[in-house]
């Protein structure tokens, strides 16, 4: 039974990071696109929605932070070995 639970955990994380992060990134792109200023055919420029633009930037920052934390999680043993720094001190190191 532990084997099935482990497989389901890996599947869940794979779906979250494999499909969830690109989907979140695309939501950020849409927010920035909708919040940007749009030129009209007559040459005037309409002001964009600043709140949507900042929301898109916030989503970009969240995706970047998740990617950075994932890389640090993968390299935590190497960082501990070479620099003697525990990046995630509350988790067990083997």
Protein backbone atom coordinates (compact mmCIF):
# COMPACT_ATOMS: atom_id res chain seq x y z
CA UNK A 1 0.00 0.00 0.00
CA UNK A 2 2.90 2.36 0.70
CA UNK A 3 4.07 1.76 -2.86
CA UNK A 4 0.75 3.01 -4.30
CA UNK A 5 0.76 6.07 -2.05
CA UNK A 6 4.30 6.89 -3.17
CA UNK A 7 3.31 6.57 -6.82
CA UNK A 8 0.30 8.85 -6.29
CA UNK A 9 2.46 11.47 -4.57
CA UNK A 10 4.95 11.47 -7.44
CA UNK A 11 2.07 11.67 -9.92
CA UNK A 12 0.55 14.62 -8.05
CA UNK A 13 3.80 16.57 -7.87
CA UNK A 14 4.51 15.79 -11.52
CA UNK A 15 1.11 17.09 -12.56
CA UNK A 16 1.44 20.16 -10.37
CA UNK A 17 4.91 21.12 -11.57
CA UNK A 18 4.65 19.67 -15.07
CA UNK A 19 1.30 21.17 -16.03
CA UNK A 20 0.52 23.60 -13.23
CA UNK A 21 3.55 25.88 -13.54
CA UNK A 22 3.22 26.40 -17.30
CA UNK A 23 -0.51 27.04 -16.82
CA UNK A 24 0.25 29.58 -14.08
CA UNK A 25 2.87 31.20 -16.31
CA UNK A 26 0.32 31.51 -19.13
CA UNK A 27 -2.17 33.13 -16.73
CA UNK A 28 0.55 35.68 -15.94
CA UNK A 29 1.06 36.31 -19.66
CA UNK A 30 -2.66 36.87 -20.15
CA UNK A 31 -2.80 39.27 -17.19
CA UNK A 32 0.09 41.31 -18.55
CA UNK A 33 -1.41 41.30 -22.04
CA UNK A 34 -4.81 42.47 -20.82
CA UNK A 35 -3.22 45.08 -18.57
CA UNK A 36 -1.01 46.62 -21.26
CA UNK A 37 -1.88 49.75 -23.20
CA UNK A 38 -3.54 49.10 -26.56
CA UNK A 39 -3.17 51.33 -29.61
CA UNK A 40 -6.37 52.07 -31.56
CA UNK A 41 -6.56 52.13 -35.36
CA UNK A 42 -6.83 55.94 -35.24
CA UNK A 43 -3.48 56.21 -33.45
CA UNK A 44 -4.67 56.92 -29.91
CA UNK A 45 -3.48 54.72 -27.09
CA UNK A 46 -5.85 53.53 -24.39
CA UNK A 47 -4.47 53.18 -20.90
CA UNK A 48 -4.12 49.61 -19.67
CA UNK A 49 -5.16 48.19 -16.33
CA UNK A 50 -2.20 48.55 -13.98
CA UNK A 51 -3.64 46.08 -11.46
CA UNK A 52 -3.70 43.29 -14.05
CA UNK A 53 -0.14 44.10 -15.10
CA UNK A 54 1.09 43.92 -11.50
CA UNK A 55 -0.84 40.70 -10.95
CA UNK A 56 0.95 39.22 -13.96
CA UNK A 57 4.32 40.29 -12.56
CA UNK A 58 3.39 38.78 -9.19
CA UNK A 59 2.51 35.49 -10.87
CA UNK A 60 5.86 35.57 -12.71
CA UNK A 61 7.63 36.09 -9.37
CA UNK A 62 5.76 33.15 -7.81
CA UNK A 63 6.68 30.85 -10.71
CA UNK A 64 10.31 31.99 -10.50
CA UNK A 65 10.40 31.37 -6.74
CA UNK A 66 8.96 27.87 -7.18
CA UNK A 67 11.58 27.07 -9.83
CA UNK A 68 14.40 28.41 -7.63
CA UNK A 69 13.19 26.44 -4.59
CA UNK A 70 12.91 23.30 -6.72
CA UNK A 71 16.49 23.64 -7.92
CA UNK A 72 17.69 24.22 -4.37
CA UNK A 73 15.73 21.17 -3.20
CA UNK A 74 17.37 19.00 -5.85
CA UNK A 75 20.85 20.33 -5.04
CA UNK A 76 20.49 20.39 -1.24
CA UNK A 77 22.79 17.39 -0.65
CA UNK A 78 25.50 18.80 -2.91
CA UNK A 79 25.30 22.20 -1.22
CA UNK A 80 25.53 20.52 2.18
CA UNK A 81 28.52 18.43 1.10
CA UNK A 82 30.58 21.22 -0.49
CA UNK A 83 29.57 24.27 1.56
CA UNK A 84 28.18 22.73 4.79
CA UNK A 85 25.01 24.83 4.46
CA UNK A 86 21.61 23.35 5.22
CA UNK A 87 19.22 25.10 2.82
CA UNK A 88 16.16 23.37 4.32
CA UNK A 89 17.14 22.81 7.96
CA UNK A 90 13.83 21.27 9.09
CA UNK A 91 14.11 18.33 6.68
CA UNK A 92 16.29 15.29 7.30
CA UNK A 93 19.51 15.03 5.37
CA UNK A 94 20.85 11.58 4.52
